[in-house]
Amino acid sequence: MTDIAVTSPVERIARVIAAEALSINGEGQDPSVGSAVDAVWEAEVARAVAVLKTLREPTSEMVEAGRAAGSNPAEIWNAMVRAAVESY
């Protein structure tokens, strides 16, 4: 079963964008960015919204993955997003 998130997709994406910019695992230099991300993620909300807006129109691979996932909305969403990530 797919876990249900407790934070909004906008916040989660904004935090990832901020972490990517700050972390040594991304483009930054800091090996531990948790508190820095807490302080700056809200500055990335507009980018996060832009990312979500691009997902409004699924690809044919996403549609097929959603159909194959069954009737649980969380499983359908998960399958469609996985298809989008895997197609890259």
Protein backbone atom coordinates (compact mmCIF):
# COMPACT_ATOMS: atom_id res chain seq x y z
CA MET A 1 0.00 0.00 0.00
CA THR A 2 1.14 3.54 -0.72
CA ASP A 3 1.84 5.75 2.29
CA ILE A 4 -0.27 8.88 2.63
CA ALA A 5 1.84 12.01 3.08
CA VAL A 6 1.17 14.40 5.93
CA THR A 7 2.75 17.45 4.29
CA SER A 8 1.51 19.11 1.14
CA PRO A 9 3.09 18.28 -2.22
CA VAL A 10 4.03 21.96 -2.61
CA GLU A 11 5.98 21.96 0.64
CA ARG A 12 7.69 18.64 -0.11
CA ILE A 13 8.77 19.78 -3.57
CA ALA A 14 9.91 23.19 -2.26
CA ARG A 15 12.01 21.46 0.39
CA VAL A 16 13.63 19.20 -2.20
CA ILE A 17 14.44 22.17 -4.42
CA ALA A 18 15.99 24.00 -1.47
CA ALA A 19 17.94 20.92 -0.38
CA GLU A 20 19.24 20.35 -3.92
CA ALA A 21 20.65 23.88 -3.94
CA LEU A 22 22.27 23.59 -0.51
CA SER A 23 23.33 19.97 -0.08
CA ILE A 24 26.62 18.40 -1.04
CA ASN A 25 24.44 15.64 -2.54
CA GLY A 26 23.13 18.26 -4.97
CA GLU A 27 24.69 21.50 -6.12
CA GLY A 28 25.69 22.81 -2.69
CA GLN A 29 28.57 22.27 -0.31
CA ASP A 30 26.85 21.51 3.01
CA PRO A 31 26.80 17.87 4.17
CA SER A 32 23.89 18.50 6.57
CA VAL A 33 21.19 20.92 5.39
CA GLY A 34 18.11 20.06 7.46
CA SER A 35 17.96 23.27 9.49
CA ALA A 36 18.96 25.41 6.50
CA VAL A 37 16.15 23.88 4.43
CA ASP A 38 13.71 24.59 7.28
CA ALA A 39 14.72 28.24 7.07
CA VAL A 40 14.51 28.72 3.28
CA TRP A 41 12.07 26.25 1.72
CA GLU A 42 9.24 28.79 1.55
CA ALA A 43 11.30 30.80 -0.95
CA GLU A 44 10.94 27.85 -3.35
CA VAL A 45 7.13 27.60 -3.23
CA ALA A 46 6.66 29.28 -6.62
CA ARG A 47 8.99 26.76 -8.25
CA ALA A 48 7.21 23.90 -6.51
CA VAL A 49 3.85 25.11 -7.80
CA ALA A 50 5.31 25.35 -11.30
CA VAL A 51 6.47 21.74 -11.07
CA LEU A 52 3.02 20.56 -10.00
CA LYS A 53 1.35 22.55 -12.76
CA THR A 54 3.39 20.64 -15.33
CA LEU A 55 1.98 17.36 -13.99
CA ARG A 56 -1.61 18.33 -14.76
CA GLU A 57 -1.34 16.71 -18.19
CA PRO A 58 -0.09 13.14 -17.88
CA THR A 59 1.90 11.38 -20.57
CA SER A 60 0.50 8.26 -22.20
CA GLU A 61 2.87 6.18 -20.05
CA MET A 62 1.46 7.79 -16.93
CA VAL A 63 -2.12 7.12 -18.03
CA GLU A 64 -1.35 3.47 -18.72
CA ALA A 65 0.40 3.10 -15.36
CA GLY A 66 -2.62 4.64 -13.64
CA ARG A 67 -5.00 2.25 -15.39
CA ALA A 68 -2.87 -0.72 -14.38
CA ALA A 69 -2.70 0.38 -10.75
CA GLY A 70 -6.29 -0.50 -9.91
CA SER A 71 -8.90 1.64 -8.20
CA ASN A 72 -7.09 3.03 -5.15
CA PRO A 73 -6.40 6.75 -5.86
CA ALA A 74 -3.18 6.73 -3.84
CA GLU A 75 -1.87 3.71 -5.76
CA ILE A 76 -2.90 5.28 -9.08
CA TRP A 77 -1.10 8.54 -8.23
CA ASN A 78 2.00 6.65 -7.10
CA ALA A 79 2.05 4.54 -10.27
CA MET A 80 1.61 7.57 -12.50
CA VAL A 81 4.40 9.54 -10.82
CA ARG A 82 6.71 6.51 -10.90
CA ALA A 83 6.01 6.19 -14.64
CA ALA A 84 6.92 9.84 -15.13
CA VAL A 85 10.18 9.43 -13.21
CA GLU A 86 11.10 6.16 -14.92
CA SER A 87 10.51 7.57 -18.40
CA TYR A 88 13.29 10.08 -17.84
